Amino acid sequence: MPKHLTVLLGAGFSANAGMPTAWNIAEKFNRDLKDKLLSFSSGEWVWADDKPEADLWNGRLNFDYLAYSYVFDEFVKSYVSDRGEFVYYEDFYQYIIDRYKDLEWVEDLFEKAKTSLTKDRPYLLEGESYSKNYLFAFEKKQFQKVNEIINYLIWDILRIIPRTDDELVAIYKNFISYLRIFDEVDIFTLNHDLLLERLLSINEMQFSKGFNQESSPIHYEGVPVPFFDNEFKKPIRIYKLHGSLDFYQFRHHKKEGAIWIPTDESDYFLTLDYYVKHKSVLVDPQTGEVIQDYNFDVVPKFITGTDKTQIIRNDRLFSALFDTLEKVMSTSENIFVSGYSFSDEHINDFLKAKKYNYINHNRSKEYPYEGIGENIKSLDELYQNF
């Protein structure tokens, strides 16, 4: 039988490359957020920090950028007041989900944000109707927009890998050498970033993520866009269990007269291209006939918060990935864990169920379950294990 390895990666794996940790992300949120957000007409949101002048200009042409900066500032104040500190961004996200169930609380928070904004900029109340457009967000309070904004802000933090290819080769050389020992490798990662894909690519190691062009119903300028069909066709298989910066969802709609009505169907597709994200169409893969010429959802798809199980259960892509995790873990013997904090119970259940031959790479936490293996604090120690 071919030699097989199962890999489980958490945020600590990416931290080796200087990628932001949960603490770094918390720092972005846990501060005065007034005027810290930018919103573009295409739908994207980003942080204003360190953006070029053109982005600052364009990101402030959309009225909502200002109101939601103040809304998020109030969210953080309320969160820190209730928790005593800013714990981490996933807990913050879950806090918003839970508090949004209380409509009175939401009304009060938006009112506080409006009061704060108009105190800082009284001319928004006194000026022409154009100025009052900046207050529109307080008239229509949208949870969906808050949800989308958080995903975009996390996307903006994680999309830059602050190391050159040569630096990455040096940092992860032992990890890559370890993977090469095995004929087949299943990598389950909780990270949204694209560091792993870049590592494998620069080391000329082919991998699959379950997205393929063949029979894709999503096209851009006549070319099929890779879509999720749950087919992993390479010996190295990557499962982004909590989603990824390059995951997008094409939600199916049906047209009734001049109006598009959403259905329960959707397809996930894979892209880093701005135009593919915005201008792909839905086609009949057999005939090529365009069924839907507009994608209504351009938010990067990853799941966050502390209660992910319900989302996973109700989503076709995420449930399929976790079904595969269950199957692979039940037959695996060798497991390499890197940078995982053992804080996700829906992952820990699989680790508890079996005694693995493990290597646990973690600077602060030893492997907490039964098995035969070794704990290492640095990837430099990995060479001793093969």
Foldseek 3Di string as FASTA:
>chain_A
DFFEEEEEEEPQVLVLLVADDQVNQLVVLQDQQQLQWFAAPLGFIEGPPPDDPVRSVRRVVQLARRLVSLLSNLLNVVVCVVVVHSDGVQQSVQVLVVCVVPVVSSLVSSVVSVVVVCVVVVCLVVDDVVSVSSVVCNVPPDPVSVVLRVLNHVLNRQADRPDDLVVLCVQCVLVVVVVVVTQAYEYEYQDQHCPVVSNCVSVVHDWDAQWDQPLAQKDDPRGGFTWHPRDTDHRYYYYNLFFYSFKWKQFDWADDPNDTHTDPDIIIGGDPDPCSLFFIFGARSVPRHTRGGGGPTSGGGGDGHLDCVVVLVPDPRNVSSVVVVLVCLVPDAEYEYAPDPCPRVSVVVSVQVDAHAYEYADQPDDDPHHYHYYYHPGSVVSVVVD
